[in-house]
N, C-alpha and C. Protein backbone atom coordinates (compact mmCIF):
# COMPACT_ATOMS: atom_id res chain seq x y z
N MET A 1 0.86 -1.21 0.00
CA MET A 1 -0.02 0.00 -0.01
C MET A 1 0.88 1.24 0.01
N SER A 2 0.64 2.15 -0.94
CA SER A 2 1.42 3.36 -0.99
C SER A 2 1.17 4.28 0.22
N GLN A 3 2.20 5.03 0.55
CA GLN A 3 2.03 5.96 1.73
C GLN A 3 1.98 7.35 1.14
N GLU A 4 1.15 8.19 1.76
CA GLU A 4 0.91 9.61 1.38
C GLU A 4 2.19 10.36 1.75
N LYS A 5 2.70 11.13 0.77
CA LYS A 5 3.81 11.96 1.04
C LYS A 5 3.40 13.25 1.73
N ARG A 6 4.02 13.56 2.85
CA ARG A 6 3.72 14.84 3.55
C ARG A 6 4.78 15.87 3.09
N GLU A 7 4.38 16.77 2.25
CA GLU A 7 5.31 17.73 1.68
C GLU A 7 5.27 19.07 2.43
N ILE A 8 6.43 19.53 2.83
CA ILE A 8 6.56 20.88 3.45
C ILE A 8 6.72 21.90 2.34
N VAL A 9 5.94 22.93 2.41
CA VAL A 9 5.99 24.06 1.42
C VAL A 9 6.39 25.35 2.06
N ILE A 10 6.91 26.26 1.23
CA ILE A 10 7.35 27.53 1.75
C ILE A 10 6.53 28.68 1.19
N PRO A 11 6.53 29.92 1.84
CA PRO A 11 5.75 30.97 1.29
C PRO A 11 6.11 31.24 -0.22
N SER A 12 4.95 31.56 -0.98
CA SER A 12 5.08 31.83 -2.43
C SER A 12 5.48 30.64 -3.28
N GLN A 13 5.52 29.45 -2.73
CA GLN A 13 5.81 28.21 -3.54
C GLN A 13 4.59 27.88 -4.41
N LEU A 14 4.86 27.59 -5.71
CA LEU A 14 3.79 27.20 -6.64
C LEU A 14 3.24 25.86 -6.27
N LEU A 15 1.88 25.80 -6.08
CA LEU A 15 1.22 24.57 -5.65
C LEU A 15 0.40 23.91 -6.81
N GLY A 16 0.02 24.68 -7.77
CA GLY A 16 -0.79 24.08 -8.86
C GLY A 16 -1.52 25.12 -9.63
N ASP A 17 -2.27 24.65 -10.64
CA ASP A 17 -3.12 25.55 -11.46
C ASP A 17 -4.43 25.80 -10.81
N ALA A 18 -4.95 27.02 -10.92
CA ALA A 18 -6.30 27.36 -10.45
C ALA A 18 -7.35 26.60 -11.23
N GLU A 19 -7.05 26.29 -12.53
CA GLU A 19 -8.03 25.58 -13.31
C GLU A 19 -8.03 24.08 -12.91
N GLY A 20 -9.13 23.64 -12.45
CA GLY A 20 -9.21 22.25 -12.00
C GLY A 20 -8.95 22.05 -10.53
N ASN A 21 -8.47 23.07 -9.84
CA ASN A 21 -8.20 23.01 -8.44
C ASN A 21 -8.84 24.18 -7.76
N LYS A 22 -9.09 24.08 -6.45
CA LYS A 22 -9.64 25.19 -5.65
C LYS A 22 -8.63 25.62 -4.59
N ALA A 23 -8.42 26.91 -4.44
CA ALA A 23 -7.51 27.49 -3.48
C ALA A 23 -8.14 27.46 -2.16
N GLY A 24 -7.56 26.65 -1.22
CA GLY A 24 -8.15 26.53 0.17
C GLY A 24 -7.39 27.46 1.11
N ARG A 25 -7.47 27.11 2.38
CA ARG A 25 -6.86 27.92 3.46
C ARG A 25 -5.32 27.94 3.27
N GLY A 26 -4.66 29.02 3.53
CA GLY A 26 -3.23 29.11 3.46
C GLY A 26 -2.66 29.26 2.09
N THR A 27 -3.54 29.64 1.13
CA THR A 27 -3.05 29.80 -0.25
C THR A 27 -3.57 31.04 -0.91
N PHE A 28 -3.09 31.47 -2.03
CA PHE A 28 -3.56 32.57 -2.76
C PHE A 28 -3.39 32.29 -4.25
N ILE A 29 -4.18 33.03 -5.09
CA ILE A 29 -4.16 32.80 -6.55
C ILE A 29 -3.54 34.02 -7.21
N GLU A 30 -2.71 33.78 -8.13
CA GLU A 30 -2.02 34.89 -8.97
C GLU A 30 -1.85 34.39 -10.30
N ASN A 31 -2.38 35.07 -11.38
CA ASN A 31 -2.21 34.74 -12.72
C ASN A 31 -2.51 33.28 -13.01
N GLY A 32 -3.67 32.79 -12.46
CA GLY A 32 -4.14 31.50 -12.66
C GLY A 32 -3.40 30.40 -12.05
N LYS A 33 -2.53 30.71 -11.10
CA LYS A 33 -1.78 29.73 -10.33
C LYS A 33 -2.05 29.86 -8.92
N ILE A 34 -1.94 28.72 -8.14
CA ILE A 34 -2.15 28.71 -6.68
C ILE A 34 -0.82 28.67 -6.04
N TYR A 35 -0.58 29.51 -5.07
CA TYR A 35 0.67 29.63 -4.31
C TYR A 35 0.39 29.46 -2.84
N SER A 36 1.47 29.13 -2.10
CA SER A 36 1.35 29.02 -0.59
C SER A 36 1.59 30.40 0.05
N GLU A 37 0.74 30.66 1.04
CA GLU A 37 0.90 31.94 1.85
C GLU A 37 1.94 31.74 2.94
N MET A 38 2.29 30.55 3.27
CA MET A 38 3.04 30.34 4.52
C MET A 38 3.85 29.08 4.46
N LEU A 39 4.71 28.94 5.49
CA LEU A 39 5.41 27.65 5.73
C LEU A 39 4.45 26.68 6.29
N GLY A 40 4.31 25.53 5.64
CA GLY A 40 3.35 24.56 6.21
C GLY A 40 3.34 23.29 5.48
N ILE A 41 2.32 22.45 5.71
CA ILE A 41 2.20 21.08 5.12
C ILE A 41 1.20 21.21 4.00
N LEU A 42 1.55 20.72 2.87
CA LEU A 42 0.61 20.72 1.65
C LEU A 42 -0.50 19.62 1.86
N SER A 43 -1.65 19.97 1.68
CA SER A 43 -2.82 19.04 1.78
C SER A 43 -3.75 19.20 0.57
N LYS A 44 -3.98 18.09 -0.14
CA LYS A 44 -4.85 18.11 -1.32
C LYS A 44 -6.05 17.15 -1.10
N ARG A 45 -7.24 17.75 -0.98
CA ARG A 45 -8.40 16.90 -0.73
C ARG A 45 -9.63 17.53 -1.52
N SER A 46 -10.29 16.61 -2.23
CA SER A 46 -11.54 17.03 -3.01
C SER A 46 -11.30 18.25 -3.86
N ASN A 47 -10.22 18.27 -4.64
CA ASN A 47 -9.78 19.41 -5.50
C ASN A 47 -9.42 20.64 -4.78
N TYR A 48 -9.41 20.65 -3.43
CA TYR A 48 -8.96 21.84 -2.65
C TYR A 48 -7.48 21.60 -2.38
N ILE A 49 -6.75 22.71 -2.56
CA ILE A 49 -5.29 22.71 -2.20
C ILE A 49 -5.19 23.59 -0.91
N ASN A 50 -4.75 23.03 0.15
CA ASN A 50 -4.64 23.73 1.43
C ASN A 50 -3.20 23.66 1.93
N VAL A 51 -2.85 24.68 2.71
CA VAL A 51 -1.55 24.62 3.45
C VAL A 51 -1.81 24.77 4.89
N ILE A 52 -1.48 23.74 5.62
CA ILE A 52 -1.69 23.75 7.09
C ILE A 52 -0.40 24.30 7.77
N PRO A 53 -0.51 25.39 8.45
CA PRO A 53 0.70 26.05 9.10
C PRO A 53 1.30 25.11 10.09
N LEU A 54 2.70 25.09 10.10
CA LEU A 54 3.37 24.24 11.10
C LEU A 54 3.20 24.81 12.51
N LYS A 55 3.16 26.10 12.64
CA LYS A 55 2.95 26.66 13.93
C LYS A 55 2.11 27.93 13.83
N GLY A 56 1.63 28.44 14.98
CA GLY A 56 0.93 29.68 14.94
C GLY A 56 -0.51 29.58 15.55
N ARG A 57 -1.18 30.63 15.66
CA ARG A 57 -2.53 30.67 16.22
C ARG A 57 -3.49 30.13 15.25
N TYR A 58 -4.70 29.91 15.74
CA TYR A 58 -5.76 29.32 14.95
C TYR A 58 -6.33 30.33 13.94
N ASP A 59 -6.46 29.92 12.66
CA ASP A 59 -7.03 30.71 11.62
C ASP A 59 -8.46 30.34 11.47
N ALA A 60 -9.32 31.16 12.01
CA ALA A 60 -10.77 30.78 12.09
C ALA A 60 -11.41 30.74 10.70
N ILE A 61 -12.22 29.67 10.55
CA ILE A 61 -12.98 29.41 9.33
C ILE A 61 -14.45 29.20 9.69
N GLU A 62 -15.40 29.88 8.98
CA GLU A 62 -16.81 29.74 9.30
C GLU A 62 -17.22 28.26 9.23
N GLY A 63 -17.94 27.81 10.30
CA GLY A 63 -18.39 26.43 10.38
C GLY A 63 -17.49 25.56 11.18
N ASP A 64 -16.31 26.00 11.54
CA ASP A 64 -15.41 25.21 12.41
C ASP A 64 -16.00 25.09 13.78
N PHE A 65 -15.80 23.96 14.45
CA PHE A 65 -16.16 23.78 15.82
C PHE A 65 -14.93 24.01 16.69
N VAL A 66 -15.10 24.80 17.78
CA VAL A 66 -13.97 25.25 18.60
C VAL A 66 -14.33 25.13 20.08
N ILE A 67 -13.29 25.26 20.92
CA ILE A 67 -13.54 25.43 22.40
C ILE A 67 -13.05 26.85 22.73
N GLY A 68 -13.96 27.55 23.32
CA GLY A 68 -13.65 28.97 23.71
C GLY A 68 -13.63 29.13 25.18
N ILE A 69 -12.83 30.14 25.67
CA ILE A 69 -12.82 30.46 27.10
C ILE A 69 -13.29 31.92 27.23
N VAL A 70 -14.31 32.11 28.03
CA VAL A 70 -14.86 33.49 28.22
C VAL A 70 -13.85 34.40 28.91
N ARG A 71 -13.68 35.52 28.31
CA ARG A 71 -12.77 36.62 28.89
C ARG A 71 -13.47 37.73 29.44
N GLU A 72 -14.70 38.02 28.95
CA GLU A 72 -15.44 39.18 29.51
C GLU A 72 -16.93 39.03 29.20
N ALA A 73 -17.78 39.27 30.26
CA ALA A 73 -19.17 39.31 30.06
C ALA A 73 -19.65 40.73 29.93
N MET A 74 -20.36 41.09 28.86
CA MET A 74 -20.82 42.47 28.65
C MET A 74 -22.37 42.43 28.73
N ALA A 75 -22.97 43.53 28.53
CA ALA A 75 -24.45 43.65 28.73
C ALA A 75 -25.28 42.70 27.93
N SER A 76 -24.88 42.50 26.64
CA SER A 76 -25.68 41.65 25.76
C SER A 76 -24.83 40.69 24.94
N SER A 77 -23.62 40.44 25.47
CA SER A 77 -22.70 39.49 24.70
C SER A 77 -21.46 39.17 25.64
N TRP A 78 -20.66 38.30 25.08
CA TRP A 78 -19.44 37.85 25.73
C TRP A 78 -18.26 37.95 24.77
N LEU A 79 -17.12 38.26 25.27
CA LEU A 79 -15.85 38.15 24.47
C LEU A 79 -15.20 36.79 24.81
N VAL A 80 -14.92 36.03 23.81
CA VAL A 80 -14.44 34.63 24.05
C VAL A 80 -13.12 34.41 23.32
N ASP A 81 -12.16 33.89 24.13
CA ASP A 81 -10.88 33.54 23.51
C ASP A 81 -10.97 32.21 22.86
N ILE A 82 -10.68 32.18 21.55
CA ILE A 82 -10.72 30.91 20.76
C ILE A 82 -9.34 30.61 20.15
N ASN A 83 -8.32 31.13 20.76
CA ASN A 83 -6.98 30.90 20.33
C ASN A 83 -6.64 31.51 18.94
N ALA A 84 -7.44 32.50 18.56
CA ALA A 84 -7.22 33.23 17.33
C ALA A 84 -6.58 34.56 17.72
N PRO A 85 -6.10 35.32 16.69
CA PRO A 85 -5.42 36.61 17.03
C PRO A 85 -6.30 37.58 17.75
N TYR A 86 -7.71 37.45 17.49
CA TYR A 86 -8.59 38.41 18.13
C TYR A 86 -9.67 37.59 18.84
N PRO A 87 -10.26 38.11 19.94
CA PRO A 87 -11.34 37.39 20.60
C PRO A 87 -12.59 37.33 19.77
N ALA A 88 -13.48 36.34 19.97
CA ALA A 88 -14.72 36.15 19.25
C ALA A 88 -15.83 36.75 20.04
N LEU A 89 -16.89 37.26 19.40
CA LEU A 89 -18.09 37.71 20.05
C LEU A 89 -19.09 36.69 20.08
N LEU A 90 -19.72 36.49 21.24
CA LEU A 90 -20.82 35.58 21.40
C LEU A 90 -22.03 36.37 21.91
N HIS A 91 -23.02 36.61 21.01
CA HIS A 91 -24.16 37.45 21.30
C HIS A 91 -25.24 36.59 22.05
N VAL A 92 -26.07 37.25 22.91
CA VAL A 92 -27.11 36.57 23.66
C VAL A 92 -28.09 35.88 22.74
N ASN A 93 -28.19 36.31 21.46
CA ASN A 93 -29.11 35.68 20.53
C ASN A 93 -28.53 34.33 20.03
N GLU A 94 -27.24 34.11 20.30
CA GLU A 94 -26.63 32.90 19.79
C GLU A 94 -26.33 31.84 20.95
N VAL A 95 -27.08 31.92 22.00
CA VAL A 95 -27.01 30.93 23.16
C VAL A 95 -28.36 30.32 23.31
N PRO A 96 -28.46 29.14 23.98
CA PRO A 96 -29.71 28.44 24.16
C PRO A 96 -30.53 28.91 25.31
N TRP A 97 -30.15 30.04 25.98
CA TRP A 97 -30.86 30.56 27.09
C TRP A 97 -31.51 31.89 26.79
N ASP A 98 -32.61 32.21 27.55
CA ASP A 98 -33.19 33.54 27.43
C ASP A 98 -32.49 34.48 28.43
N VAL A 99 -31.61 35.25 27.92
CA VAL A 99 -30.77 36.07 28.80
C VAL A 99 -31.28 37.52 28.74
N ASP A 100 -31.63 38.07 29.95
CA ASP A 100 -32.07 39.44 30.01
C ASP A 100 -30.84 40.40 29.91
N PHE A 101 -31.09 41.55 29.38
CA PHE A 101 -30.08 42.58 29.29
C PHE A 101 -29.35 42.87 30.59
N GLY A 102 -28.06 42.81 30.57
CA GLY A 102 -27.24 43.07 31.78
C GLY A 102 -27.12 41.86 32.69
N GLU A 103 -27.58 40.68 32.29
CA GLU A 103 -27.56 39.47 33.17
C GLU A 103 -26.72 38.40 32.55
N THR A 104 -25.84 38.73 31.68
CA THR A 104 -24.92 37.75 31.02
C THR A 104 -24.11 36.91 32.01
N GLU A 105 -23.67 37.54 33.08
CA GLU A 105 -22.81 36.86 34.08
C GLU A 105 -23.47 35.70 34.74
N LYS A 106 -24.83 35.71 34.78
CA LYS A 106 -25.56 34.57 35.38
C LYS A 106 -25.37 33.28 34.60
N TYR A 107 -25.03 33.43 33.32
CA TYR A 107 -24.96 32.21 32.38
C TYR A 107 -23.54 31.84 32.04
N LEU A 108 -22.74 32.86 31.72
CA LEU A 108 -21.32 32.62 31.40
C LEU A 108 -20.50 33.74 31.97
N ASN A 109 -19.46 33.41 32.64
CA ASN A 109 -18.61 34.40 33.25
C ASN A 109 -17.12 34.21 32.91
N HIS A 110 -16.27 35.09 33.35
CA HIS A 110 -14.87 34.98 33.07
C HIS A 110 -14.25 33.67 33.54
N GLY A 111 -13.57 32.95 32.52
CA GLY A 111 -12.98 31.66 32.85
C GLY A 111 -13.86 30.52 32.43
N ASP A 112 -15.08 30.66 32.19
CA ASP A 112 -15.97 29.57 31.77
C ASP A 112 -15.58 29.17 30.38
N SER A 113 -15.81 27.86 30.06
CA SER A 113 -15.45 27.31 28.78
C SER A 113 -16.74 26.80 28.05
N VAL A 114 -16.70 27.00 26.67
CA VAL A 114 -17.85 26.55 25.88
C VAL A 114 -17.41 25.87 24.61
N MET A 115 -18.25 24.87 24.15
CA MET A 115 -18.12 24.32 22.82
C MET A 115 -18.91 25.17 21.94
N ALA A 116 -18.27 25.67 20.85
CA ALA A 116 -18.95 26.65 20.01
C ALA A 116 -18.66 26.37 18.54
N LYS A 117 -19.34 27.15 17.66
CA LYS A 117 -19.07 27.01 16.19
C LYS A 117 -18.83 28.45 15.69
N ILE A 118 -17.89 28.52 14.77
CA ILE A 118 -17.59 29.83 14.13
C ILE A 118 -18.82 30.18 13.25
N LEU A 119 -19.49 31.29 13.60
CA LEU A 119 -20.66 31.75 12.83
C LEU A 119 -20.29 32.67 11.72
N GLN A 120 -19.31 33.57 11.91
CA GLN A 120 -19.00 34.53 10.89
C GLN A 120 -17.57 35.05 11.13
N VAL A 121 -16.87 35.22 10.01
CA VAL A 121 -15.53 35.88 9.95
C VAL A 121 -15.61 36.91 8.90
N ASP A 122 -15.51 38.21 9.33
CA ASP A 122 -15.65 39.24 8.25
C ASP A 122 -14.26 39.60 7.70
N VAL A 123 -14.30 40.59 6.76
CA VAL A 123 -13.04 40.93 6.07
C VAL A 123 -12.00 41.47 6.96
N GLU A 124 -12.39 42.04 8.11
CA GLU A 124 -11.44 42.54 9.06
C GLU A 124 -11.04 41.44 10.14
N LYS A 125 -11.40 40.23 9.88
CA LYS A 125 -11.17 39.14 10.76
C LYS A 125 -11.86 39.17 12.11
N LYS A 126 -12.98 40.00 12.16
CA LYS A 126 -13.76 40.04 13.37
C LYS A 126 -14.59 38.74 13.37
N LEU A 127 -14.64 38.09 14.56
CA LEU A 127 -15.17 36.75 14.66
C LEU A 127 -16.43 36.79 15.53
N GLN A 128 -17.45 35.96 15.08
CA GLN A 128 -18.66 35.69 15.83
C GLN A 128 -18.82 34.20 15.94
N ILE A 129 -19.25 33.79 17.11
CA ILE A 129 -19.41 32.29 17.35
C ILE A 129 -20.93 32.14 17.84
N THR A 130 -21.32 30.89 17.82
CA THR A 130 -22.68 30.50 18.24
C THR A 130 -22.62 29.24 19.07
N LEU A 131 -23.59 29.10 19.94
CA LEU A 131 -23.82 27.90 20.65
C LEU A 131 -25.07 27.17 20.19
N LYS A 132 -25.69 27.70 19.13
CA LYS A 132 -26.95 27.21 18.57
C LYS A 132 -26.67 26.10 17.56
N ASP A 133 -26.27 25.00 17.96
CA ASP A 133 -26.06 23.88 17.03
C ASP A 133 -26.06 22.62 17.88
N ARG A 134 -26.02 21.46 17.30
CA ARG A 134 -26.04 20.16 18.06
C ARG A 134 -24.83 20.08 18.90
N ASN A 135 -24.99 19.56 20.12
CA ASN A 135 -23.89 19.25 21.02
C ASN A 135 -23.02 20.44 21.33
N LEU A 136 -23.50 21.61 21.37
CA LEU A 136 -22.76 22.78 21.74
C LEU A 136 -23.30 23.30 23.08
N TYR A 137 -22.42 23.53 24.05
CA TYR A 137 -22.92 23.96 25.33
C TYR A 137 -21.83 24.45 26.23
N LYS A 138 -22.19 24.94 27.38
CA LYS A 138 -21.20 25.28 28.43
C LYS A 138 -20.57 24.03 28.95
N ILE A 139 -19.21 24.05 29.07
CA ILE A 139 -18.50 22.83 29.49
C ILE A 139 -18.55 22.78 31.03
N ARG A 140 -18.84 21.68 31.61
CA ARG A 140 -18.85 21.38 33.00
C ARG A 140 -18.07 20.15 33.25
N GLY A 141 -17.09 20.27 34.09
CA GLY A 141 -16.20 19.08 34.36
C GLY A 141 -15.29 18.75 33.35
N GLY A 142 -14.57 17.59 33.43
CA GLY A 142 -13.63 17.11 32.51
C GLY A 142 -12.33 17.99 32.52
N HIS A 143 -11.55 17.82 31.49
CA HIS A 143 -10.22 18.48 31.43
C HIS A 143 -10.01 18.99 30.04
N ILE A 144 -9.46 20.17 29.96
CA ILE A 144 -9.11 20.79 28.60
C ILE A 144 -7.65 20.80 28.46
N THR A 145 -7.16 20.16 27.28
CA THR A 145 -5.77 20.27 26.97
C THR A 145 -5.63 20.94 25.58
N TYR A 146 -4.36 21.01 25.07
CA TYR A 146 -4.13 21.78 23.90
C TYR A 146 -3.15 21.10 22.94
N ILE A 147 -3.33 21.27 21.64
CA ILE A 147 -2.43 20.80 20.61
C ILE A 147 -2.23 21.89 19.60
N GLU A 148 -1.14 21.96 18.83
CA GLU A 148 -1.00 22.91 17.81
C GLU A 148 -2.21 22.78 16.83
N PRO A 149 -2.93 23.92 16.53
CA PRO A 149 -4.05 23.77 15.60
C PRO A 149 -3.69 23.07 14.26
N SER A 150 -2.48 23.22 13.79
CA SER A 150 -2.03 22.56 12.54
C SER A 150 -2.06 21.09 12.68
N LYS A 151 -2.01 20.55 13.91
CA LYS A 151 -1.91 19.09 14.07
C LYS A 151 -3.28 18.47 14.45
N VAL A 152 -4.33 19.21 14.47
CA VAL A 152 -5.62 18.73 14.72
C VAL A 152 -6.06 17.62 13.67
N PRO A 153 -5.78 17.84 12.39
CA PRO A 153 -6.15 16.73 11.47
C PRO A 153 -5.45 15.42 11.79
N ARG A 154 -4.21 15.50 12.21
CA ARG A 154 -3.50 14.28 12.57
C ARG A 154 -4.09 13.64 13.84
N LEU A 155 -4.55 14.40 14.76
CA LEU A 155 -5.14 13.91 15.96
C LEU A 155 -6.49 13.21 15.62
N ILE A 156 -7.24 13.73 14.69
CA ILE A 156 -8.52 13.16 14.30
C ILE A 156 -8.27 11.92 13.44
N GLY A 157 -7.30 11.98 12.51
CA GLY A 157 -6.99 10.86 11.69
C GLY A 157 -7.92 10.77 10.50
N LYS A 158 -7.47 9.96 9.50
CA LYS A 158 -8.26 9.72 8.31
C LYS A 158 -9.65 9.10 8.76
N LYS A 159 -10.77 9.69 8.34
CA LYS A 159 -12.09 9.22 8.62
C LYS A 159 -12.26 9.04 10.16
N GLY A 160 -11.54 9.82 10.92
CA GLY A 160 -11.74 9.77 12.37
C GLY A 160 -11.02 8.62 13.04
N SER A 161 -10.04 7.98 12.34
CA SER A 161 -9.42 6.74 12.87
C SER A 161 -8.69 6.95 14.15
N MET A 162 -7.91 8.07 14.27
CA MET A 162 -7.05 8.30 15.52
C MET A 162 -7.97 8.60 16.65
N ILE A 163 -8.85 9.48 16.50
CA ILE A 163 -9.72 9.88 17.65
C ILE A 163 -10.57 8.73 18.09
N SER A 164 -10.94 7.85 17.19
CA SER A 164 -11.77 6.64 17.47
C SER A 164 -11.00 5.70 18.38
N LEU A 165 -9.64 5.57 18.09
CA LEU A 165 -8.78 4.73 18.94
C LEU A 165 -8.72 5.26 20.39
N LEU A 166 -8.55 6.58 20.51
CA LEU A 166 -8.49 7.17 21.88
C LEU A 166 -9.74 6.90 22.64
N LYS A 167 -10.87 7.04 21.99
CA LYS A 167 -12.17 6.78 22.63
C LYS A 167 -12.34 5.26 22.98
N LYS A 168 -11.93 4.42 22.05
CA LYS A 168 -12.10 3.02 22.20
C LYS A 168 -11.35 2.49 23.46
N TYR A 169 -10.10 2.84 23.55
CA TYR A 169 -9.20 2.23 24.57
C TYR A 169 -9.25 3.00 25.88
N THR A 170 -9.84 4.16 25.98
CA THR A 170 -9.95 4.89 27.26
C THR A 170 -11.32 5.13 27.75
N ARG A 171 -12.32 4.87 26.90
CA ARG A 171 -13.75 5.09 27.23
C ARG A 171 -13.98 6.54 27.68
N CYS A 172 -13.21 7.49 27.18
CA CYS A 172 -13.36 8.92 27.48
C CYS A 172 -14.27 9.55 26.44
N ARG A 173 -15.04 10.55 26.85
CA ARG A 173 -15.71 11.47 25.97
C ARG A 173 -14.71 12.51 25.51
N ILE A 174 -14.53 12.73 24.24
CA ILE A 174 -13.50 13.64 23.69
C ILE A 174 -14.15 14.62 22.71
N PHE A 175 -13.92 15.89 22.83
CA PHE A 175 -14.37 16.88 21.86
C PHE A 175 -13.12 17.63 21.36
N VAL A 176 -12.86 17.53 20.02
CA VAL A 176 -11.62 18.19 19.52
C VAL A 176 -12.06 19.46 18.82
N GLY A 177 -11.63 20.60 19.31
CA GLY A 177 -11.85 21.87 18.55
C GLY A 177 -10.80 22.07 17.49
N GLN A 178 -11.32 22.70 16.37
CA GLN A 178 -10.35 22.98 15.28
C GLN A 178 -9.31 24.03 15.75
N ASN A 179 -9.54 24.71 16.80
CA ASN A 179 -8.58 25.69 17.32
C ASN A 179 -7.54 25.08 18.21
N GLY A 180 -7.47 23.72 18.34
CA GLY A 180 -6.44 23.10 19.07
C GLY A 180 -6.78 22.78 20.50
N ARG A 181 -7.86 23.15 21.00
CA ARG A 181 -8.25 22.85 22.39
C ARG A 181 -9.09 21.54 22.32
N ILE A 182 -8.84 20.67 23.35
CA ILE A 182 -9.47 19.39 23.34
C ILE A 182 -10.08 19.17 24.71
N TRP A 183 -11.38 18.83 24.80
CA TRP A 183 -12.05 18.51 26.06
C TRP A 183 -12.11 17.02 26.20
N ILE A 184 -11.68 16.53 27.42
CA ILE A 184 -11.71 15.11 27.73
C ILE A 184 -12.36 14.87 29.03
N ASP A 185 -13.26 13.95 29.08
CA ASP A 185 -13.99 13.64 30.26
C ASP A 185 -14.04 12.07 30.47
N GLY A 186 -13.73 11.62 31.65
CA GLY A 186 -13.72 10.19 31.96
C GLY A 186 -13.07 9.96 33.30
N ALA A 187 -12.60 8.72 33.54
CA ALA A 187 -11.86 8.36 34.69
C ALA A 187 -10.50 9.09 34.65
N GLU A 188 -9.92 9.40 35.88
CA GLU A 188 -8.75 10.16 35.96
C GLU A 188 -7.57 9.49 35.19
N ASP A 189 -7.34 8.14 35.37
CA ASP A 189 -6.34 7.51 34.68
C ASP A 189 -6.50 7.44 33.20
N ASP A 190 -7.74 7.38 32.78
CA ASP A 190 -8.03 7.33 31.33
C ASP A 190 -7.72 8.71 30.75
N ILE A 191 -8.10 9.73 31.46
CA ILE A 191 -7.82 11.13 30.91
C ILE A 191 -6.30 11.31 30.80
N ALA A 192 -5.50 10.80 31.81
CA ALA A 192 -4.09 10.88 31.74
C ALA A 192 -3.50 10.12 30.57
N LYS A 193 -4.12 9.03 30.23
CA LYS A 193 -3.61 8.21 29.06
C LYS A 193 -3.93 8.99 27.77
N VAL A 194 -5.11 9.55 27.68
CA VAL A 194 -5.45 10.38 26.49
C VAL A 194 -4.44 11.55 26.26
N ILE A 195 -4.20 12.23 27.35
CA ILE A 195 -3.26 13.39 27.24
C ILE A 195 -1.87 12.92 26.84
N TYR A 196 -1.42 11.80 27.38
CA TYR A 196 -0.08 11.27 27.01
C TYR A 196 -0.09 10.89 25.55
N ALA A 197 -1.14 10.32 25.08
CA ALA A 197 -1.21 9.93 23.65
C ALA A 197 -1.22 11.18 22.76
N ILE A 198 -1.97 12.17 23.16
CA ILE A 198 -2.03 13.42 22.43
C ILE A 198 -0.64 14.05 22.24
N ARG A 199 0.17 14.03 23.42
CA ARG A 199 1.52 14.57 23.32
C ARG A 199 2.35 13.83 22.33
N LYS A 200 2.18 12.46 22.29
CA LYS A 200 2.97 11.68 21.32
C LYS A 200 2.57 11.98 19.96
N ILE A 201 1.25 12.13 19.68
CA ILE A 201 0.75 12.45 18.38
C ILE A 201 1.33 13.84 17.92
N GLU A 202 1.39 14.77 18.82
CA GLU A 202 1.89 16.10 18.49
C GLU A 202 3.41 16.01 18.15
N GLU A 203 4.15 15.25 18.93
CA GLU A 203 5.59 15.11 18.76
C GLU A 203 5.90 14.42 17.46
N GLU A 204 5.09 13.43 17.06
CA GLU A 204 5.45 12.61 15.92
C GLU A 204 4.39 12.70 14.78
N SER A 205 3.84 13.90 14.63
CA SER A 205 2.74 14.08 13.73
C SER A 205 3.08 13.86 12.24
N LEU A 206 4.33 13.98 11.87
CA LEU A 206 4.78 13.76 10.49
C LEU A 206 5.26 12.39 10.23
N ALA A 207 5.30 11.53 11.26
CA ALA A 207 5.79 10.17 11.13
C ALA A 207 4.82 9.25 10.49
N PHE A 208 5.26 8.27 9.68
CA PHE A 208 4.39 7.26 9.17
C PHE A 208 4.24 6.13 10.20
N GLY A 209 3.07 5.43 10.10
CA GLY A 209 2.79 4.36 10.96
C GLY A 209 2.40 4.80 12.38
N LEU A 210 2.05 6.07 12.56
CA LEU A 210 1.76 6.62 13.86
C LEU A 210 0.51 5.98 14.44
N THR A 211 -0.49 5.73 13.67
CA THR A 211 -1.69 5.21 14.25
C THR A 211 -1.49 3.87 14.93
N ASN A 212 -0.69 3.02 14.29
CA ASN A 212 -0.35 1.70 14.84
C ASN A 212 0.47 1.84 16.19
N ARG A 213 1.33 2.80 16.23
CA ARG A 213 2.16 2.99 17.46
C ARG A 213 1.30 3.55 18.61
N ILE A 214 0.34 4.42 18.24
CA ILE A 214 -0.54 4.95 19.32
C ILE A 214 -1.45 3.83 19.80
N GLU A 215 -1.92 2.97 18.88
CA GLU A 215 -2.77 1.85 19.36
C GLU A 215 -1.98 1.00 20.36
N GLU A 216 -0.69 0.66 20.04
CA GLU A 216 0.07 -0.15 20.93
C GLU A 216 0.20 0.53 22.31
N LEU A 217 0.43 1.86 22.29
CA LEU A 217 0.63 2.64 23.51
C LEU A 217 -0.65 2.58 24.34
N LEU A 218 -1.81 2.73 23.67
CA LEU A 218 -3.09 2.71 24.38
C LEU A 218 -3.45 1.36 25.01
N LYS A 219 -2.90 0.30 24.49
CA LYS A 219 -3.18 -1.07 25.01
C LYS A 219 -2.42 -1.30 26.39
N LYS A 220 -1.42 -0.43 26.65
CA LYS A 220 -0.61 -0.58 27.84
C LYS A 220 -1.31 0.13 28.97
N ASP A 221 -1.01 -0.21 30.26
CA ASP A 221 -1.41 0.53 31.37
C ASP A 221 -0.66 1.81 31.45
N ILE A 222 -1.28 2.88 31.88
CA ILE A 222 -0.67 4.18 31.90
C ILE A 222 0.63 4.17 32.74
N LYS A 223 0.73 3.35 33.70
CA LYS A 223 1.94 3.22 34.54
C LYS A 223 3.10 2.64 33.75
N ASP A 224 2.79 1.96 32.69
CA ASP A 224 3.89 1.32 31.89
C ASP A 224 4.37 2.18 30.76
N VAL A 225 3.75 3.31 30.58
CA VAL A 225 4.15 4.14 29.36
C VAL A 225 4.91 5.36 29.82
């Protein structure tokens, strides 16, 4: 079985023709050609050419699911840190509660965490998020850890293969935000095992055969790894 080549590209590197391909995140078009905006990993899927940054903050895309941390409660909205260059706005119309004007702190306050979806990103990169979607809510309990946003696809795996392994061998509930924040809930030892595996995935994200190595690691007792 052939292995997928993980190619590192540099800023302004030619990636392909705009005809027959679509310029995705981390790219730009000039004279009918698609070029890389940044140093990163080339990804081609469904005619989209994307460049996943090797490092850096989260580049918000409408429709992404994220984990946010409330930084400020205002009269009719909240400012939420989603690991992007700018905080996101969460308006009272975008939460599942009937919030009276000036009473936002009763529902979400500084330091609270939420599972959210990117609702809008305007031309000035101002961000709006929503909690009005399936399985989005204020987080209670569990543990939040972090991975480089560029390595989220590796953590999830092809067709969800990697994240399925973590859930299978630890029986933890896991929510992976595209912004690199991960919520884990389960027994203390199982949470520790998930976090250990995530660190290994982050360290070896470009290595081949990683899924098999992570499965072997998960089969062991946490005290043995």
